Amino acid sequence: MALIEGISQKMLIQTLRQMEQYGLVTRKVHAVVPPRVDYLLTPLGLSLTEALKILWRWSQDHHAEIAALETRRRPPTRRDSPKLPILRKETQRRRGR
């Protein structure tokens, strides 16, 4: 699981379990220590291959644009919105809190 960058083990497992519910992958548990689980694409999952190849090519063709947008995006900080706590207090006063 360490080979998939940018995703937690919990999120990966949740996603794989959903894919299993949708019939896209099968899950095989091996009775070994430490435990080992393999996921394999089903015929339905394999049928997505061509669509995913098209999306992959698109992402490669537009990588520079996507990266540029990503560097401009950042989460807001408290400094960016100093009035939020004040607005919260005003709303609480109106509600009688």
Protein backbone atom coordinates (compact mmCIF):
# COMPACT_ATOMS: atom_id res chain seq x y z
CA MET A 1 0.00 0.00 0.00
CA ALA A 2 2.97 2.30 0.40
CA LEU A 3 3.20 2.49 -3.40
CA ILE A 4 0.07 4.64 -3.71
CA GLU A 5 1.05 8.20 -2.90
CA GLY A 6 -1.42 10.76 -1.56
CA ILE A 7 -4.05 8.36 -0.19
CA SER A 8 -4.36 6.98 3.32
CA GLN A 9 -4.66 3.26 3.92
CA LYS A 10 -8.16 3.82 5.35
CA MET A 11 -9.37 5.69 2.25
CA LEU A 12 -7.83 3.11 -0.08
CA ILE A 13 -9.57 0.26 1.74
CA GLN A 14 -12.91 2.12 1.72
CA THR A 15 -12.59 2.78 -2.00
CA LEU A 16 -11.65 -0.82 -2.79
CA ARG A 17 -14.59 -2.10 -0.73
CA GLN A 18 -16.96 0.20 -2.66
CA MET A 19 -15.51 -1.02 -5.93
CA GLU A 20 -16.10 -4.58 -4.71
CA GLN A 21 -19.74 -3.73 -3.93
CA TYR A 22 -20.16 -2.28 -7.43
CA GLY A 23 -18.71 -5.44 -8.96
CA LEU A 24 -15.56 -3.78 -10.30
CA VAL A 25 -13.06 -5.83 -8.27
CA THR A 26 -12.96 -9.12 -6.40
CA ARG A 27 -11.25 -9.47 -3.04
CA LYS A 28 -9.21 -12.51 -2.08
CA VAL A 29 -8.00 -12.90 1.52
CA HIS A 30 -4.98 -15.14 2.04
CA ALA A 31 -4.71 -17.05 5.32
CA VAL A 32 -1.14 -16.02 6.08
CA VAL A 33 0.64 -13.99 8.73
CA PRO A 34 0.88 -11.09 8.22
CA PRO A 35 -2.53 -10.97 6.53
CA ARG A 36 -2.57 -10.43 2.78
CA VAL A 37 -5.45 -9.32 0.58
CA ASP A 38 -5.43 -9.19 -3.22
CA TYR A 39 -7.89 -7.25 -5.36
CA LEU A 40 -8.45 -8.21 -8.98
CA LEU A 41 -10.49 -6.47 -11.65
CA THR A 42 -13.66 -8.25 -12.70
CA PRO A 43 -14.78 -8.32 -16.35
CA LEU A 44 -16.98 -5.30 -15.52
CA GLY A 45 -13.96 -3.48 -14.06
CA LEU A 46 -11.84 -4.40 -17.07
CA SER A 47 -14.49 -2.90 -19.34
CA LEU A 48 -13.51 0.53 -17.96
CA THR A 49 -9.96 0.21 -19.31
CA GLU A 50 -10.48 2.17 -22.54
CA ALA A 51 -12.36 5.00 -20.81
CA LEU A 52 -9.63 5.27 -18.17
CA LYS A 53 -6.91 5.32 -20.85
CA ILE A 54 -8.65 8.32 -22.46
CA LEU A 55 -8.81 10.13 -19.10
CA TRP A 56 -5.14 9.29 -18.44
CA ARG A 57 -4.09 10.71 -21.83
CA TRP A 58 -6.14 13.86 -21.16
CA SER A 59 -4.48 14.32 -17.76
CA GLN A 60 -1.04 13.92 -19.32
CA ASP A 61 -1.84 16.39 -22.11
CA HIS A 62 -3.06 18.99 -19.56
CA HIS A 63 -0.62 18.26 -16.74
CA ALA A 64 1.06 21.68 -16.88
CA GLU A 65 -2.28 23.52 -16.71
CA ILE A 66 -3.49 21.38 -13.83
CA ALA A 67 -0.23 21.82 -11.91
CA ALA A 68 -0.37 25.60 -12.38
CA LEU A 69 -3.91 25.73 -11.00
CA GLU A 70 -2.96 23.49 -8.10
CA THR A 71 -0.11 25.77 -7.02
CA ARG A 72 -2.50 28.76 -6.96
CA ARG A 73 -5.03 26.90 -4.82
CA ARG A 74 -4.53 26.95 -1.08
CA PRO A 75 -6.81 26.55 1.89
CA PRO A 76 -8.04 29.80 3.47
CA THR A 77 -6.44 30.85 6.72
CA ARG A 78 -7.92 32.73 9.66
CA ARG A 79 -6.08 35.83 8.44
CA ASP A 80 -7.99 35.61 5.16
CA SER A 81 -11.36 35.80 6.92
CA PRO A 82 -11.05 37.63 10.25
CA LYS A 83 -14.79 38.42 10.42
CA LEU A 84 -15.93 34.79 10.66
CA PRO A 85 -15.84 34.61 14.49
CA ILE A 86 -17.67 37.96 14.69
CA LEU A 87 -20.37 36.74 12.30
CA ARG A 88 -20.79 33.60 14.36
CA LYS A 89 -21.32 35.67 17.54
CA GLU A 90 -23.85 37.94 15.77
CA THR A 91 -25.81 34.91 14.58
CA GLN A 92 -25.82 33.44 18.10
CA ARG A 93 -27.13 36.75 19.56
CA ARG A 94 -29.99 36.81 17.04
CA ARG A 95 -30.92 33.25 17.98
CA GLY A 96 -30.98 34.17 21.66
CA ARG A 97 -27.91 32.23 22.74
